[in-house]
Amino acid sequence: MDLLVKARNKDEKSILILLHYFEPDMRSHSRYIKMPKEDALQSMRLAMIELFHHPPKPVADIHFPDLNIEKRD
């Protein structure tokens, strides 16, 4: 978790360590993407870096006023 926090704060070393950690999975998944392998890997790396810098909001924080849904505890 420390690496993720540092990566979110744009610490380059932490980002590189996390990308290295996920590299085998990205290589495995790149086989199913219809583009050159290196392009697919580069796209996945960029997407991960963007997620580190701009994490999505947790689902519990999303509010739908028109649906009249109550928040559960």
Protein backbone atom coordinates (compact mmCIF):
# COMPACT_ATOMS: atom_id res chain seq x y z
CA MET A 1 0.00 0.00 0.00
CA ASP A 2 2.93 2.34 0.66
CA LEU A 3 4.01 2.00 -2.96
CA LEU A 4 0.52 2.84 -4.17
CA VAL A 5 0.33 5.94 -1.96
CA LYS A 6 3.73 7.07 -3.22
CA ALA A 7 2.72 6.35 -6.83
CA ARG A 8 -0.40 8.47 -6.36
CA ASN A 9 1.92 11.26 -5.25
CA LYS A 10 3.84 10.80 -8.51
CA ASP A 11 6.93 9.15 -7.02
CA GLU A 12 8.69 7.78 -10.12
CA LYS A 13 10.50 4.94 -8.34
CA SER A 14 7.23 3.63 -6.84
CA ILE A 15 5.51 3.80 -10.22
CA LEU A 16 8.32 1.83 -11.85
CA ILE A 17 8.24 -0.81 -9.10
CA LEU A 18 4.46 -1.25 -9.49
CA LEU A 19 4.71 -1.43 -13.28
CA HIS A 20 7.44 -4.05 -12.94
CA TYR A 21 5.24 -6.03 -10.52
CA PHE A 22 2.34 -6.11 -13.00
CA GLU A 23 4.50 -6.68 -16.11
CA PRO A 24 3.95 -10.49 -16.26
CA ASP A 25 0.17 -10.02 -16.12
CA MET A 26 0.27 -7.30 -18.77
CA ARG A 27 2.38 -9.51 -21.05
CA SER A 28 -0.09 -12.34 -20.60
CA HIS A 29 -3.10 -10.14 -21.35
CA SER A 30 -1.42 -8.46 -24.32
CA ARG A 31 -1.88 -11.68 -26.31
CA TYR A 32 -5.62 -10.97 -26.52
CA ILE A 33 -5.33 -7.41 -27.80
CA LYS A 34 -5.34 -7.04 -31.56
CA MET A 35 -2.37 -4.70 -31.95
CA PRO A 36 1.39 -5.17 -31.87
CA LYS A 37 2.50 -6.55 -28.50
CA GLU A 38 4.70 -3.58 -27.58
CA ASP A 39 1.91 -1.13 -28.43
CA ALA A 40 -0.52 -3.08 -26.25
CA LEU A 41 1.97 -3.15 -23.38
CA GLN A 42 2.64 0.57 -23.69
CA SER A 43 -1.10 1.29 -23.66
CA MET A 44 -1.53 -0.78 -20.50
CA ARG A 45 1.42 0.94 -18.80
CA LEU A 46 0.00 4.35 -19.62
CA ALA A 47 -3.45 3.35 -18.34
CA MET A 48 -1.92 2.15 -15.06
CA ILE A 49 0.04 5.37 -14.62
CA GLU A 50 -3.14 7.37 -15.22
CA LEU A 51 -4.94 5.25 -12.60
CA PHE A 52 -2.16 5.91 -10.11
CA HIS A 53 -2.42 9.65 -10.67
CA HIS A 54 -6.23 9.85 -10.93
CA PRO A 55 -7.82 6.94 -9.03
CA PRO A 56 -11.53 6.36 -9.66
CA LYS A 57 -14.01 7.32 -6.96
CA PRO A 58 -15.21 4.50 -4.71
CA VAL A 59 -18.70 3.34 -5.63
CA ALA A 60 -20.03 4.35 -2.20
CA ASP A 61 -19.16 8.00 -2.95
CA ILE A 62 -21.23 8.14 -6.13
CA HIS A 63 -24.60 9.83 -5.66
CA PHE A 64 -27.63 9.29 -7.91
CA PRO A 65 -30.21 11.89 -6.84
CA ASP A 66 -32.84 10.94 -9.42
CA LEU A 67 -32.91 7.25 -8.49
CA ASN A 68 -34.06 7.79 -4.89
CA ILE A 69 -31.57 5.20 -3.57
CA GLU A 70 -30.62 5.29 0.10
CA LYS A 71 -27.02 4.76 1.14
CA ARG A 72 -26.49 1.54 3.12
CA ASP A 73 -24.13 1.34 6.08
